[in-house]
Amino acid sequence: MKINAHWRQHIEARGGNGLSQTAYCHQQGLNRKTFSVWPRRVEDD
């Protein structure tokens, strides 16, 4: 899976689940700071 596709999937999943970014990242085992950069990167893609 491409990196952008991986992050796009997480961004879309987080958007519809009602969790805060911090809670979503904790639940998924993601780094919150890294996650916060990807919406802009994916949007520019």
PDB file of N, CA and C in Angstrom:
ATOM      1  N   MET A   1       0.852  -1.177   0.000  1.00  0.00           N
ATOM      2  CA  MET A   1       0.000   0.000   0.000  1.00  0.00           C
ATOM      3  C   MET A   1       0.896   1.237   0.000  1.00  0.00           C
ATOM      4  N   LYS A   2       0.543   2.181  -0.854  1.00  0.00           N
ATOM      5  CA  LYS A   2       1.289   3.430  -0.874  1.00  0.00           C
ATOM      6  C   LYS A   2       1.114   4.163   0.451  1.00  0.00           C
ATOM      7  N   ILE A   3       2.127   4.931   0.805  1.00  0.00           N
ATOM      8  CA  ILE A   3       2.074   5.678   2.066  1.00  0.00           C
ATOM      9  C   ILE A   3       0.889   6.636   2.075  1.00  0.00           C
ATOM     10  N   ASN A   4       0.685   7.389   0.989  1.00  0.00           N
ATOM     11  CA  ASN A   4      -0.434   8.332   0.945  1.00  0.00           C
ATOM     12  C   ASN A   4      -1.765   7.611   1.114  1.00  0.00           C
ATOM     13  N   ALA A   5      -1.905   6.459   0.504  1.00  0.00           N
ATOM     14  CA  ALA A   5      -3.156   5.697   0.620  1.00  0.00           C
ATOM     15  C   ALA A   5      -3.363   5.241   2.066  1.00  0.00           C
ATOM     16  N   HIS A   6      -2.296   4.847   2.718  1.00  0.00           N
ATOM     17  CA  HIS A   6      -2.362   4.425   4.119  1.00  0.00           C
ATOM     18  C   HIS A   6      -2.879   5.570   4.986  1.00  0.00           C
ATOM     19  N   TRP A   7      -2.297   6.741   4.829  1.00  0.00           N
ATOM     20  CA  TRP A   7      -2.693   7.886   5.646  1.00  0.00           C
ATOM     21  C   TRP A   7      -4.071   8.405   5.259  1.00  0.00           C
ATOM     22  N   ARG A   8      -4.397   8.375   3.967  1.00  0.00           N
ATOM     23  CA  ARG A   8      -5.727   8.812   3.524  1.00  0.00           C
ATOM     24  C   ARG A   8      -6.799   7.944   4.191  1.00  0.00           C
ATOM     25  N   GLN A   9      -6.536   6.661   4.278  1.00  0.00           N
ATOM     26  CA  GLN A   9      -7.477   5.734   4.902  1.00  0.00           C
ATOM     27  C   GLN A   9      -7.689   6.107   6.381  1.00  0.00           C
ATOM     28  N   HIS A  10      -6.611   6.429   7.075  1.00  0.00           N
ATOM     29  CA  HIS A  10      -6.723   6.826   8.477  1.00  0.00           C
ATOM     30  C   HIS A  10      -7.439   8.169   8.622  1.00  0.00           C
ATOM     31  N   ILE A  11      -7.151   9.107   7.754  1.00  0.00           N
ATOM     32  CA  ILE A  11      -7.792  10.421   7.818  1.00  0.00           C
ATOM     33  C   ILE A  11      -9.294  10.293   7.618  1.00  0.00           C
ATOM     34  N   GLU A  12      -9.698   9.493   6.644  1.00  0.00           N
ATOM     35  CA  GLU A  12     -11.127   9.285   6.386  1.00  0.00           C
ATOM     36  C   GLU A  12     -11.792   8.556   7.548  1.00  0.00           C
ATOM     37  N   ALA A  13     -11.124   7.553   8.101  1.00  0.00           N
ATOM     38  CA  ALA A  13     -11.685   6.793   9.218  1.00  0.00           C
ATOM     39  C   ALA A  13     -11.835   7.674  10.454  1.00  0.00           C
ATOM     40  N   ARG A  14     -10.867   8.510  10.708  1.00  0.00           N
ATOM     41  CA  ARG A  14     -10.917   9.390  11.878  1.00  0.00           C
ATOM     42  C   ARG A  14     -12.010  10.432  11.729  1.00  0.00           C
ATOM     43  N   GLY A  15     -12.248  10.904  10.519  1.00  0.00           N
ATOM     44  CA  GLY A  15     -13.234  11.947  10.293  1.00  0.00           C
ATOM     45  C   GLY A  15     -14.654  11.544  10.642  1.00  0.00           C
ATOM     46  N   GLY A  16     -14.965  10.277  10.515  1.00  0.00           N
ATOM     47  CA  GLY A  16     -16.333   9.841  10.744  1.00  0.00           C
ATOM     48  C   GLY A  16     -16.569   9.109  12.046  1.00  0.00           C
ATOM     49  N   ASN A  17     -15.565   9.038  12.905  1.00  0.00           N
ATOM     50  CA  ASN A  17     -15.761   8.209  14.093  1.00  0.00           C
ATOM     51  C   ASN A  17     -16.025   8.989  15.375  1.00  0.00           C
ATOM     52  N   GLY A  18     -15.918  10.314  15.331  1.00  0.00           N
ATOM     53  CA  GLY A  18     -16.238  11.132  16.497  1.00  0.00           C
ATOM     54  C   GLY A  18     -15.154  11.225  17.554  1.00  0.00           C
ATOM     55  N   LEU A  19     -14.030  10.551  17.357  1.00  0.00           N
ATOM     56  CA  LEU A  19     -12.935  10.626  18.318  1.00  0.00           C
ATOM     57  C   LEU A  19     -12.079  11.860  18.050  1.00  0.00           C
ATOM     58  N   SER A  20     -11.448  12.355  19.090  1.00  0.00           N
ATOM     59  CA  SER A  20     -10.466  13.424  18.896  1.00  0.00           C
ATOM     60  C   SER A  20      -9.263  12.823  18.157  1.00  0.00           C
ATOM     61  N   GLN A  21      -8.458  13.689  17.602  1.00  0.00           N
ATOM     62  CA  GLN A  21      -7.266  13.214  16.906  1.00  0.00           C
ATOM     63  C   GLN A  21      -6.366  12.431  17.862  1.00  0.00           C
ATOM     64  N   THR A  22      -6.198  12.933  19.063  1.00  0.00           N
ATOM     65  CA  THR A  22      -5.358  12.265  20.054  1.00  0.00           C
ATOM     66  C   THR A  22      -5.906  10.885  20.394  1.00  0.00           C
ATOM     67  N   ALA A  23      -7.209  10.788  20.623  1.00  0.00           N
ATOM     68  CA  ALA A  23      -7.825   9.504  20.971  1.00  0.00           C
ATOM     69  C   ALA A  23      -7.718   8.519  19.805  1.00  0.00           C
ATOM     70  N   TYR A  24      -7.955   8.994  18.584  1.00  0.00           N
ATOM     71  CA  TYR A  24      -7.863   8.114  17.416  1.00  0.00           C
ATOM     72  C   TYR A  24      -6.445   7.566  17.260  1.00  0.00           C
ATOM     73  N   CYS A  25      -5.460   8.457  17.372  1.00  0.00           N
ATOM     74  CA  CYS A  25      -4.071   8.024  17.220  1.00  0.00           C
ATOM     75  C   CYS A  25      -3.687   7.015  18.296  1.00  0.00           C
ATOM     76  N   HIS A  26      -4.119   7.258  19.509  1.00  0.00           N
ATOM     77  CA  HIS A  26      -3.827   6.325  20.598  1.00  0.00           C
ATOM     78  C   HIS A  26      -4.461   4.960  20.309  1.00  0.00           C
ATOM     79  N   GLN A  27      -5.706   4.971  19.877  1.00  0.00           N
ATOM     80  CA  GLN A  27      -6.431   3.734  19.579  1.00  0.00           C
ATOM     81  C   GLN A  27      -5.765   2.950  18.448  1.00  0.00           C
ATOM     82  N   GLN A  28      -5.255   3.665  17.452  1.00  0.00           N
ATOM     83  CA  GLN A  28      -4.674   3.025  16.277  1.00  0.00           C
ATOM     84  C   GLN A  28      -3.164   2.808  16.376  1.00  0.00           C
ATOM     85  N   GLY A  29      -2.557   3.306  17.432  1.00  0.00           N
ATOM     86  CA  GLY A  29      -1.109   3.158  17.600  1.00  0.00           C
ATOM     87  C   GLY A  29      -0.312   4.063  16.671  1.00  0.00           C
ATOM     88  N   LEU A  30      -0.867   5.234  16.369  1.00  0.00           N
ATOM     89  CA  LEU A  30      -0.216   6.188  15.473  1.00  0.00           C
ATOM     90  C   LEU A  30       0.411   7.320  16.264  1.00  0.00           C
ATOM     91  N   ASN A  31       1.456   7.905  15.711  1.00  0.00           N
ATOM     92  CA  ASN A  31       2.062   9.079  16.309  1.00  0.00           C
ATOM     93  C   ASN A  31       1.200  10.288  15.972  1.00  0.00           C
ATOM     94  N   ARG A  32       0.709  10.992  16.987  1.00  0.00           N
ATOM     95  CA  ARG A  32      -0.203  12.120  16.775  1.00  0.00           C
ATOM     96  C   ARG A  32       0.442  13.230  15.966  1.00  0.00           C
ATOM     97  N   LYS A  33       1.698  13.530  16.215  1.00  0.00           N
ATOM     98  CA  LYS A  33       2.369  14.606  15.490  1.00  0.00           C
ATOM     99  C   LYS A  33       2.523  14.250  14.013  1.00  0.00           C
ATOM    100  N   THR A  34       2.850  13.007  13.732  1.00  0.00           N
ATOM    101  CA  THR A  34       2.955  12.563  12.341  1.00  0.00           C
ATOM    102  C   THR A  34       1.594  12.608  11.671  1.00  0.00           C
ATOM    103  N   PHE A  35       0.579  12.127  12.384  1.00  0.00           N
ATOM    104  CA  PHE A  35      -0.778  12.119  11.837  1.00  0.00           C
ATOM    105  C   PHE A  35      -1.242  13.526  11.488  1.00  0.00           C
ATOM    106  N   SER A  36      -0.908  14.505  12.316  1.00  0.00           N
ATOM    107  CA  SER A  36      -1.390  15.873  12.094  1.00  0.00           C
ATOM    108  C   SER A  36      -0.837  16.502  10.822  1.00  0.00           C
ATOM    109  N   VAL A  37       0.274  16.015  10.302  1.00  0.00           N
ATOM    110  CA  VAL A  37       0.876  16.554   9.076  1.00  0.00           C
ATOM    111  C   VAL A  37       0.189  15.996   7.828  1.00  0.00           C
ATOM    112  N   TRP A  38      -0.299  14.774   7.896  1.00  0.00           N
ATOM    113  CA  TRP A  38      -0.783  14.088   6.699  1.00  0.00           C
ATOM    114  C   TRP A  38      -2.028  14.652   6.044  1.00  0.00           C
ATOM    115  N   PRO A  39      -2.989  15.224   6.749  1.00  0.00           N
ATOM    116  CA  PRO A  39      -4.139  15.774   6.014  1.00  0.00           C
ATOM    117  C   PRO A  39      -3.732  16.807   4.955  1.00  0.00           C
ATOM    118  N   ARG A  40      -2.743  17.623   5.261  1.00  0.00           N
ATOM    119  CA  ARG A  40      -2.264  18.607   4.276  1.00  0.00           C
ATOM    120  C   ARG A  40      -1.545  17.925   3.134  1.00  0.00           C
ATOM    121  N   ARG A  41      -0.739  16.918   3.436  1.00  0.00           N
ATOM    122  CA  ARG A  41       0.014  16.208   2.388  1.00  0.00           C
ATOM    123  C   ARG A  41      -0.931  15.465   1.443  1.00  0.00           C
ATOM    124  N   VAL A  42      -1.910  14.802   2.015  1.00  0.00           N
ATOM    125  CA  VAL A  42      -2.866  14.040   1.207  1.00  0.00           C
ATOM    126  C   VAL A  42      -3.701  14.988   0.364  1.00  0.00           C
ATOM    127  N   GLU A  43      -4.078  16.128   0.942  1.00  0.00           N
ATOM    128  CA  GLU A  43      -4.881  17.114   0.223  1.00  0.00           C
ATOM    129  C   GLU A  43      -4.127  17.670  -0.993  1.00  0.00           C
ATOM    130  N   ASP A  44      -2.811  17.835  -0.862  1.00  0.00           N
ATOM    131  CA  ASP A  44      -1.979  18.355  -1.953  1.00  0.00           C
ATOM    132  C   ASP A  44      -1.721  17.321  -3.030  1.00  0.00           C
ATOM    133  N   ASP A  45      -1.975  16.055  -2.746  1.00  0.00           N
ATOM    134  CA  ASP A  45      -1.698  14.962  -3.676  1.00  0.00           C
ATOM    135  C   ASP A  45      -2.604  14.978  -4.874  1.00  0.00           C
TER     136      ASP A  45
END
